[in-house]
Amino acid sequence: MTRINQLKAAGRVLGLFALVLALLGALAGKCVYASEFKVGMVLDKGGKEDKSFNNAAYDGFKHAKAELKITGKVIEASDDNSYEPLLRAMASRDFDLIIAIGFAQAEAVKRVSKAYPSKHFVIVDAEVEAPNVRTLMFREHEGSFLVGALAALVSHTGKIGFIGGMDGPLIRRFEMGYIAGAKYINPRVKVISNFVGVSVDAWNNPAKGKELAIAQYSEGGDIIFGAAGASGNGVFDAAEEEGRLVIGVDSNQNWVKPGHVLTSMLKRVDVAVFDTIRAAQSGQFAGGIFYYGLANSGIDYAMDQYNEALVPKAARARIEELKKAIIDGKIRVPDYYEKK
């Protein structure tokens, strides 16, 4: 082969090599684009700054955004009538997974998931039976039992309180577990209960939460469990002003009013949301009901530097015993959902 022919052959090889590299680059670019996973989330009226339920869900989204590199959008619903339009707007666009936070969105999810069967939906706290819907349910009564028991162990007056947000089966479930745990420790304990309201506005009325808390403290209650979303912020303010104790809910709220928060009943919506996004992103989305409780760390109570001085070692040891007994099935916590 002459020198010229050798150069021509080398040129053809180099040209082919360059073409292969270009094709691989183009394919790689397409793979990167295809790997983008877009998540839409609709929060209830409490909003992502409620330091509680919605805040936990938003934390799960942020965690997925940072670790899984997803994209997406989180929207706060203004009222019950906005759920369906928001969900439909996301379903009609390029969102791969749509997450509805709160039982109030159940009917909207039913209708929209039926209209968009190829889309994947998630709802927290309500059972929606559809092949393209994943329901995330929590055993709130188990965690409420533990914090109720702790309240009874620590109370000096024998009177404790409960303030719920929107009156309904879910928050009645918290209340029932809380009372059962308190009475397990002290059958004579008195539990004062109030609810902020009966509509979604009850999740975002801290003034009413504070008013109810001050009334309960004035009746002799020295510890209040506030399962009231953003309305619970008023309960925290009352605890600080009255020099009493409060129990947080859903997220770890021990830091909100240091020295006044006995503990927080953890409902790990953040973990459930993150796990669901990860499964869907990897092609492992499955419809059906997924439960989170003490046994799989979906429910717990919070101990950290903010409240360790408020919880005697003996009391914490007792709560750990009760926790194990519930997980082992030796204690059956009453469940409002099973009430006849």
Protein backbone atom coordinates (compact mmCIF):
# COMPACT_ATOMS: atom_id res chain seq x y z
CA MET A 1 0.00 0.00 0.00
CA THR A 2 1.35 3.33 -1.00
CA ARG A 3 1.87 6.11 1.49
CA ILE A 4 -1.09 8.03 0.00
CA ASN A 5 -3.39 5.01 0.26
CA GLN A 6 -2.27 4.47 3.87
CA LEU A 7 -3.16 8.05 4.73
CA LYS A 8 -6.54 7.71 3.03
CA ALA A 9 -7.30 4.49 4.96
CA ALA A 10 -6.26 6.11 8.23
CA GLY A 11 -8.46 9.07 7.44
CA ARG A 12 -11.45 6.81 6.83
CA VAL A 13 -10.84 5.03 10.17
CA LEU A 14 -10.52 8.31 12.01
CA GLY A 15 -13.65 9.60 10.32
CA LEU A 16 -15.60 6.49 11.28
CA PHE A 17 -14.27 6.74 14.86
CA ALA A 18 -15.36 10.38 15.04
CA LEU A 19 -18.80 9.43 13.74
CA VAL A 20 -19.16 6.71 16.42
CA LEU A 21 -18.11 9.18 19.10
CA ALA A 22 -20.66 11.69 17.84
CA LEU A 23 -23.41 9.07 17.85
CA LEU A 24 -22.49 7.95 21.36
CA GLY A 25 -22.50 11.56 22.51
CA ALA A 26 -25.92 12.10 20.99
CA LEU A 27 -27.26 8.93 22.62
CA ALA A 28 -25.73 9.92 25.94
CA GLY A 29 -27.43 13.29 25.66
CA LYS A 30 -30.74 11.57 24.99
CA CYS A 31 -30.21 9.26 27.98
CA VAL A 32 -29.57 12.21 30.27
CA TYR A 33 -32.72 13.89 29.04
CA ALA A 34 -34.78 10.71 29.41
CA SER A 35 -33.53 10.21 32.95
CA GLU A 36 -35.05 13.47 34.13
CA PHE A 37 -37.91 12.62 36.47
CA LYS A 38 -40.52 15.26 37.20
CA VAL A 39 -42.62 15.21 40.36
CA GLY A 40 -45.63 17.37 41.15
CA MET A 41 -46.90 17.79 44.71
CA VAL A 42 -50.09 19.45 45.95
CA LEU A 43 -50.13 20.39 49.63
CA ASP A 44 -53.24 21.01 51.69
CA LYS A 45 -54.19 24.39 53.12
CA GLY A 46 -51.73 24.13 56.02
CA GLY A 47 -48.92 24.89 53.57
CA LYS A 48 -45.27 23.90 53.55
CA GLU A 49 -44.44 26.25 56.43
CA ASP A 50 -46.77 24.54 58.93
CA LYS A 51 -43.72 22.96 60.65
CA SER A 52 -45.74 19.75 60.73
CA PHE A 53 -47.55 17.51 58.21
CA ASN A 54 -47.06 19.48 54.98
CA ASN A 55 -43.57 20.48 56.05
CA ALA A 56 -42.67 16.78 56.40
CA ALA A 57 -43.97 16.02 52.90
CA TYR A 58 -42.06 18.98 51.47
CA ASP A 59 -38.88 17.76 53.20
CA GLY A 60 -39.29 14.42 51.43
CA PHE A 61 -39.58 16.22 48.09
CA LYS A 62 -36.50 18.36 48.81
CA HIS A 63 -34.52 15.28 49.83
CA ALA A 64 -35.43 13.58 46.54
CA LYS A 65 -34.52 16.70 44.60
CA ALA A 66 -31.08 16.82 46.21
CA GLU A 67 -30.24 13.13 46.23
CA LEU A 68 -32.14 11.73 43.24
CA LYS A 69 -31.79 14.86 41.09
CA ILE A 70 -35.50 14.99 40.28
CA THR A 71 -37.21 18.13 39.06
CA GLY A 72 -40.73 19.27 39.81
CA LYS A 73 -43.08 21.68 41.49
CA VAL A 74 -44.81 21.97 44.87
CA ILE A 75 -48.07 23.91 45.06
CA GLU A 76 -50.06 24.94 48.14
CA ALA A 77 -53.81 24.57 47.61
CA SER A 78 -55.85 27.59 48.66
CA ASP A 79 -59.03 25.63 49.42
CA ASP A 80 -60.85 22.33 48.79
CA ASN A 81 -62.04 23.47 45.36
CA SER A 82 -58.51 23.91 44.03
CA TYR A 83 -57.33 20.31 44.50
CA GLU A 84 -58.81 18.82 41.34
CA PRO A 85 -57.80 21.66 38.97
CA LEU A 86 -54.23 21.55 40.30
CA LEU A 87 -53.99 17.76 39.95
CA ARG A 88 -55.49 17.87 36.45
CA ALA A 89 -53.05 20.57 35.40
CA MET A 90 -50.12 18.41 36.47
CA ALA A 91 -51.56 15.25 34.91
CA SER A 92 -52.04 17.02 31.57
CA ARG A 93 -48.40 18.05 31.49
CA ASP A 94 -45.09 16.17 31.67
CA PHE A 95 -45.12 15.19 35.35
CA ASP A 96 -44.08 11.57 35.91
CA LEU A 97 -45.44 11.33 39.45
CA ILE A 98 -48.16 13.41 41.13
CA ILE A 99 -48.42 13.45 44.92
CA ALA A 100 -51.49 14.65 46.84
CA ILE A 101 -50.89 15.46 50.50
CA GLY A 102 -53.88 14.98 52.81
CA PHE A 103 -57.12 13.01 52.98
CA ALA A 104 -59.13 15.98 51.71
CA GLN A 105 -57.75 15.28 48.22
CA ALA A 106 -59.17 11.75 48.01
CA GLU A 107 -62.12 12.50 45.71
CA ALA A 108 -60.01 14.67 43.44
CA VAL A 109 -57.38 11.91 43.13
CA LYS A 110 -60.09 9.34 42.31
CA ARG A 111 -61.44 11.44 39.45
CA VAL A 112 -58.13 12.63 38.02
CA SER A 113 -56.39 9.23 38.23
CA LYS A 114 -59.31 7.69 36.34
CA ALA A 115 -59.09 10.37 33.65
CA TYR A 116 -55.31 9.85 33.28
CA PRO A 117 -54.74 6.07 33.66
CA SER A 118 -51.20 6.25 32.26
CA LYS A 119 -50.07 8.68 34.97
CA HIS A 120 -48.88 7.64 38.43
CA PHE A 121 -50.45 9.22 41.52
CA VAL A 122 -49.76 9.11 45.25
CA ILE A 123 -52.04 10.15 48.10
CA VAL A 124 -51.22 10.42 51.79
CA ASP A 125 -53.81 9.57 54.48
CA ALA A 126 -56.67 8.36 52.27
CA GLU A 127 -57.32 5.04 50.56
CA VAL A 128 -57.90 5.35 46.82
CA GLU A 129 -58.25 2.03 45.02
CA ALA A 130 -56.89 2.31 41.48
CA PRO A 131 -54.00 0.56 39.72
CA ASN A 132 -52.19 3.84 39.10
CA VAL A 133 -52.57 5.18 42.66
CA ARG A 134 -50.31 4.46 45.59
CA THR A 135 -51.79 5.16 49.03
CA LEU A 136 -49.49 5.98 51.94
CA MET A 137 -51.14 5.24 55.30
CA PHE A 138 -49.71 5.68 58.78
CA ARG A 139 -50.49 4.02 62.11
CA GLU A 140 -50.78 7.33 63.94
CA HIS A 141 -52.54 5.74 66.90
CA GLU A 142 -49.36 3.83 67.78
CA GLY A 143 -47.23 6.96 68.11
CA SER A 144 -50.05 8.82 69.84
CA PHE A 145 -50.23 6.02 72.41
CA LEU A 146 -46.55 6.50 73.21
CA VAL A 147 -46.71 10.27 73.64
CA GLY A 148 -49.90 9.92 75.69
CA ALA A 149 -48.10 7.49 77.98
CA LEU A 150 -45.17 9.89 78.28
CA ALA A 151 -47.51 12.77 79.09
CA ALA A 152 -49.10 10.74 81.90
CA LEU A 153 -45.67 9.78 83.26
CA VAL A 154 -44.46 13.39 83.35
CA SER A 155 -47.66 15.27 84.28
CA HIS A 156 -47.71 16.87 87.73
CA THR A 157 -51.42 17.70 87.74
CA GLY A 158 -52.94 14.48 86.42
CA LYS A 159 -54.60 16.56 83.68
CA ILE A 160 -53.37 16.64 80.11
CA GLY A 161 -54.81 18.06 76.92
CA PHE A 162 -55.39 17.24 73.26
CA ILE A 163 -56.08 19.79 70.52
CA GLY A 164 -56.97 18.48 67.09
CA GLY A 165 -57.19 20.42 63.86
CA MET A 166 -60.09 19.43 61.62
CA ASP A 167 -62.48 17.14 63.45
CA GLY A 168 -62.74 13.85 61.58
CA PRO A 169 -61.75 10.15 61.73
CA LEU A 170 -58.03 10.75 61.16
CA ILE A 171 -57.55 13.18 64.05
CA ARG A 172 -59.95 11.21 66.23
CA ARG A 173 -57.50 8.37 65.67
CA PHE A 174 -54.71 10.49 67.15
CA GLU A 175 -56.95 11.42 70.07
CA MET A 176 -57.99 7.83 70.80
CA GLY A 177 -54.40 6.57 70.79
CA TYR A 178 -53.26 9.45 72.99
CA ILE A 179 -55.97 8.85 75.59
CA ALA A 180 -55.33 5.08 75.57
CA GLY A 181 -51.61 5.59 76.19
CA ALA A 182 -52.21 8.05 79.02
CA LYS A 183 -54.73 5.80 80.73
CA TYR A 184 -52.48 2.78 80.31
CA ILE A 185 -50.04 4.56 82.62
CA ASN A 186 -52.58 6.29 84.86
CA PRO A 187 -56.22 5.14 84.65
CA ARG A 188 -57.29 8.23 86.62
CA VAL A 189 -55.67 10.79 84.32
CA LYS A 190 -58.04 13.41 82.91
CA VAL A 191 -57.72 14.29 79.23
CA ILE A 192 -59.26 17.57 78.00
CA SER A 193 -60.01 17.49 74.26
CA ASN A 194 -60.89 20.21 71.77
CA PHE A 195 -60.86 20.60 67.99
CA VAL A 196 -60.09 23.79 66.10
CA GLY A 197 -62.92 23.29 63.60
CA VAL A 198 -64.70 21.07 61.10
CA SER A 199 -63.40 22.48 57.79
CA VAL A 200 -59.98 22.66 56.15
CA ASP A 201 -59.55 26.12 57.67
CA ALA A 202 -58.97 24.34 60.98
CA TRP A 203 -55.45 23.43 59.82
CA ASN A 204 -54.37 27.05 59.57
CA ASN A 205 -55.84 28.96 62.51
CA PRO A 206 -53.08 29.42 65.11
CA ALA A 207 -55.11 32.07 66.96
CA LYS A 208 -57.84 29.52 67.68
CA GLY A 209 -55.23 26.91 68.60
CA LYS A 210 -53.73 29.30 71.13
CA GLU A 211 -57.13 30.20 72.56
CA LEU A 212 -58.01 26.54 73.13
CA ALA A 213 -54.59 25.80 74.64
CA ILE A 214 -54.77 28.67 77.14
CA ALA A 215 -58.21 27.44 78.21
CA GLN A 216 -56.88 23.91 78.75
CA TYR A 217 -53.89 25.14 80.73
CA SER A 218 -56.21 27.27 82.87
CA GLU A 219 -58.20 24.13 83.69
CA GLY A 220 -55.09 22.54 85.13
CA GLY A 221 -53.69 20.76 82.12
CA ASP A 222 -49.91 20.88 82.11
CA ILE A 223 -49.16 19.06 78.82
CA ILE A 224 -51.03 19.39 75.51
CA PHE A 225 -50.67 17.24 72.41
CA GLY A 226 -51.43 19.43 69.39
CA ALA A 227 -52.38 17.48 66.24
CA ALA A 228 -53.54 20.56 64.38
CA GLY A 229 -51.19 21.40 61.52
CA ALA A 230 -50.30 25.10 61.38
CA SER A 231 -52.93 25.79 64.06
CA GLY A 232 -50.59 23.97 66.40
CA ASN A 233 -48.24 26.96 66.26
CA GLY A 234 -50.69 28.73 68.52
CA VAL A 235 -50.51 25.86 70.99
CA PHE A 236 -46.73 26.26 71.09
CA ASP A 237 -47.09 29.97 71.78
CA ALA A 238 -49.50 29.28 74.63
CA ALA A 239 -47.16 26.71 76.18
CA GLU A 240 -44.33 29.24 76.20
CA GLU A 241 -46.48 32.02 77.64
CA GLU A 242 -48.02 29.80 80.32
CA GLY A 243 -44.78 28.02 81.21
CA ARG A 244 -46.27 24.61 80.37
CA LEU A 245 -45.43 21.74 78.02
CA VAL A 246 -46.60 20.84 74.55
CA ILE A 247 -46.17 17.76 72.34
CA GLY A 248 -45.42 18.31 68.66
CA VAL A 249 -46.76 16.28 65.76
CA ASP A 250 -45.71 14.81 62.40
CA SER A 251 -42.33 16.58 62.09
CA ASN A 252 -39.77 16.88 64.89
CA GLN A 253 -40.92 20.14 66.49
CA ASN A 254 -38.76 19.91 69.62
CA TRP A 255 -36.77 22.93 68.44
CA VAL A 256 -39.78 25.24 68.04
CA LYS A 257 -40.00 26.27 71.70
CA PRO A 258 -36.97 24.69 73.43
CA GLY A 259 -37.69 23.78 77.03
CA HIS A 260 -41.44 23.63 76.42
CA VAL A 261 -41.71 20.72 73.95
CA LEU A 262 -41.85 17.41 75.82
CA THR A 263 -41.48 15.42 72.58
CA SER A 264 -42.95 15.17 69.08
CA MET A 265 -44.97 12.32 67.64
CA LEU A 266 -43.17 11.60 64.39
CA LYS A 267 -45.17 10.69 61.32
CA ARG A 268 -42.45 10.12 58.74
CA VAL A 269 -44.26 11.45 55.71
CA ASP A 270 -40.86 12.68 54.50
CA VAL A 271 -39.49 9.13 54.41
CA ALA A 272 -42.61 7.73 52.74
CA VAL A 273 -42.56 10.44 50.06
CA PHE A 274 -38.86 10.00 49.37
CA ASP A 275 -39.12 6.20 49.17
CA THR A 276 -42.07 6.46 46.78
CA ILE A 277 -40.31 8.92 44.49
CA ARG A 278 -37.21 6.72 44.42
CA ALA A 279 -39.28 3.64 43.56
CA ALA A 280 -41.16 5.44 40.80
CA GLN A 281 -37.99 6.94 39.33
CA SER A 282 -36.41 3.48 39.12
CA GLY A 283 -39.47 2.03 37.38
CA GLN A 284 -40.72 0.23 40.49
CA PHE A 285 -43.95 2.17 41.04
CA ALA A 286 -46.77 -0.01 42.35
CA GLY A 287 -50.31 0.91 43.23
CA GLY A 288 -51.99 -0.24 46.41
CA ILE A 289 -51.81 0.61 50.09
CA PHE A 290 -48.49 0.97 51.90
CA TYR A 291 -48.51 1.16 55.70
CA TYR A 292 -46.02 2.91 57.97
CA GLY A 293 -45.93 2.32 61.73
CA LEU A 294 -43.60 1.72 64.67
CA ALA A 295 -42.44 -1.60 63.22
CA ASN A 296 -40.92 -0.04 60.08
CA SER A 297 -39.96 3.32 61.66
CA GLY A 298 -42.72 5.18 59.84
CA ILE A 299 -44.01 6.30 63.24
CA ASP A 300 -41.92 7.22 66.30
CA TYR A 301 -41.35 9.86 68.97
CA ALA A 302 -38.52 12.39 69.01
CA MET A 303 -35.65 12.61 71.46
CA ASP A 304 -32.81 15.09 70.95
CA GLN A 305 -30.81 17.84 72.62
CA TYR A 306 -33.88 20.07 72.86
CA ASN A 307 -35.97 17.79 75.07
CA GLU A 308 -33.64 15.32 76.77
CA ALA A 309 -33.67 17.33 80.00
CA LEU A 310 -37.48 17.22 80.09
CA VAL A 311 -37.78 13.43 79.90
CA PRO A 312 -36.52 11.48 82.95
CA LYS A 313 -34.45 8.40 82.08
CA ALA A 314 -36.94 6.13 83.82
CA ALA A 315 -39.79 7.59 81.76
CA ARG A 316 -37.91 7.10 78.51
CA ALA A 317 -37.07 3.51 79.45
CA ARG A 318 -40.76 2.88 80.11
CA ILE A 319 -41.75 4.33 76.74
CA GLU A 320 -39.18 2.13 75.01
CA GLU A 321 -40.71 -0.89 76.74
CA LEU A 322 -44.16 0.10 75.52
CA LYS A 323 -42.84 0.68 72.00
CA LYS A 324 -41.37 -2.82 71.88
CA ALA A 325 -44.56 -4.31 73.29
CA ILE A 326 -46.63 -2.66 70.55
CA ILE A 327 -44.24 -3.85 67.83
CA ASP A 328 -44.26 -7.39 69.29
CA GLY A 329 -48.06 -7.41 69.42
CA LYS A 330 -48.24 -7.61 73.21
CA ILE A 331 -50.10 -4.29 73.38
CA ARG A 332 -52.90 -3.67 70.90
CA VAL A 333 -53.54 0.04 70.54
CA PRO A 334 -57.22 0.91 69.96
CA ASP A 335 -57.85 2.27 66.48
CA TYR A 336 -60.62 4.74 65.69
CA TYR A 337 -60.78 3.35 62.15
CA GLU A 338 -61.87 0.02 63.61
CA LYS A 339 -64.47 1.57 65.90
CA LYS A 340 -67.99 0.26 65.29
